[in-house]
Protein backbone atom coordinates (compact mmCIF):
# COMPACT_ATOMS: atom_id res chain seq x y z
CA MET A 1 44.25 -17.13 -45.00
CA ASN A 2 41.04 -17.15 -46.96
CA GLN A 3 37.88 -19.03 -45.87
CA SER A 4 38.79 -22.24 -47.67
CA GLU A 5 41.90 -22.14 -45.70
CA GLY A 6 40.36 -22.89 -42.35
CA THR A 7 39.18 -19.50 -41.31
CA MET A 8 35.44 -18.30 -41.19
CA LYS A 9 34.11 -15.10 -41.62
CA ASP A 10 31.99 -13.71 -38.47
CA THR A 11 28.82 -14.36 -40.18
CA ASP A 12 29.57 -17.85 -40.96
CA ARG A 13 30.42 -18.77 -37.25
CA LYS A 14 28.71 -21.53 -35.87
CA VAL A 15 25.78 -20.59 -33.52
CA ASP A 16 24.68 -23.22 -30.95
CA SER A 17 21.00 -24.32 -31.26
CA LEU A 18 18.65 -22.90 -28.90
CA PRO A 19 17.26 -25.31 -26.13
CA ASP A 20 13.61 -26.05 -26.25
CA ALA A 21 13.53 -25.55 -22.63
CA PHE A 22 15.79 -24.57 -19.68
CA ALA A 23 15.74 -26.81 -16.55
CA SER A 24 15.96 -23.73 -14.33
CA GLU A 25 16.27 -19.93 -14.23
CA ASP A 26 20.16 -20.45 -13.56
CA GLU A 27 20.47 -22.57 -16.47
CA ALA A 28 18.84 -19.92 -18.84
CA ALA A 29 20.69 -17.21 -17.23
CA GLU A 30 23.97 -19.24 -17.73
CA PHE A 31 23.15 -19.96 -21.44
CA TRP A 32 22.17 -16.04 -22.09
CA ASP A 33 25.27 -15.10 -20.45
CA THR A 34 27.29 -16.69 -23.13
CA HIS A 35 25.12 -16.32 -26.21
CA SER A 36 23.69 -13.36 -27.83
CA LEU A 37 19.92 -12.82 -28.54
CA ALA A 38 20.84 -11.42 -31.90
CA ASP A 39 21.74 -14.97 -33.10
CA TYR A 40 18.30 -15.92 -32.38
CA GLU A 41 16.38 -13.25 -33.71
CA GLU A 42 14.29 -15.83 -36.09
CA PHE A 43 12.80 -17.35 -32.76
CA LEU A 44 11.75 -14.31 -31.30
CA GLU A 45 7.77 -13.52 -31.29
CA ALA A 46 5.96 -10.43 -30.84
CA VAL A 47 3.70 -10.27 -27.84
CA ASP A 48 0.92 -7.80 -26.67
CA LEU A 49 1.92 -6.76 -22.90
CA ASP A 50 -0.29 -4.81 -20.95
CA VAL A 51 1.91 -2.91 -17.72
CA SER A 52 0.12 -1.58 -15.13
CA ILE A 53 2.45 -0.04 -12.64
CA GLU A 54 0.02 0.53 -9.48
CA ARG A 55 2.62 0.64 -6.73
CA ARG A 56 5.51 2.98 -6.46
CA HIS A 57 8.81 2.65 -4.15
CA PHE A 58 9.93 6.01 -2.55
CA GLU A 59 13.40 6.03 -0.79
CA ILE A 60 13.76 8.39 2.15
CA GLU A 61 17.00 9.02 4.44
CA VAL A 62 16.80 8.13 7.96
CA ASP A 63 19.66 8.33 10.28
CA ARG A 64 21.30 5.19 11.70
CA GLN A 65 19.72 5.13 15.36
CA SER A 66 16.22 5.72 13.73
CA PHE A 67 16.86 2.68 11.17
CA LEU A 68 18.38 0.51 13.92
CA ALA A 69 15.43 0.98 16.12
CA LEU A 70 12.99 0.31 13.06
CA ARG A 71 14.84 -2.70 12.28
CA GLN A 72 14.69 -4.19 16.03
CA SER A 73 11.11 -3.36 16.10
CA ALA A 74 10.31 -5.04 12.71
CA GLU A 75 12.24 -8.16 13.95
CA LYS A 76 10.24 -8.34 17.28
CA GLN A 77 6.70 -7.99 15.28
CA ARG A 78 8.26 -10.44 12.36
CA ARG A 79 7.34 -7.87 9.83
CA PRO A 80 9.14 -6.33 6.91
CA ILE A 81 10.82 -3.05 7.70
CA LYS A 82 9.10 -1.46 4.74
CA ASP A 83 5.79 -2.18 6.16
CA LEU A 84 6.41 -1.01 9.69
CA ALA A 85 7.94 1.98 8.24
CA SER A 86 4.94 2.85 6.07
CA GLU A 87 2.44 2.19 9.05
CA ILE A 88 4.23 4.45 11.35
CA LEU A 89 4.66 7.23 8.62
CA LYS A 90 0.77 6.86 8.18
CA ARG A 91 -0.16 6.87 11.93
CA GLU A 92 1.98 9.96 12.66
CA LEU A 93 1.03 11.82 9.46
CA MET A 94 -2.59 11.58 10.45
CA LYS A 95 -1.92 13.23 13.78
CA ALA A 96 -0.13 16.12 11.98
């Protein structure tokens, strides 16, 4: 079957129009989950972007008992676990 008989080439397929705005991040995510950015290249604009990565995150392994104690203490103090863990490490390392 040729194009005049009802089939379309991939380059002739219909592309949905790009919304002017999305009502929410979820709506934008849903749109981009089902559409290809390649179909909207004409709408892309170059931007200058400065990125400063000042904070790094490190992962250390701790035993279960230490983690549970840390979590319990953080909950009592109503603090994030990572903040309490960092504070404890700094304090103990200053003693070393």
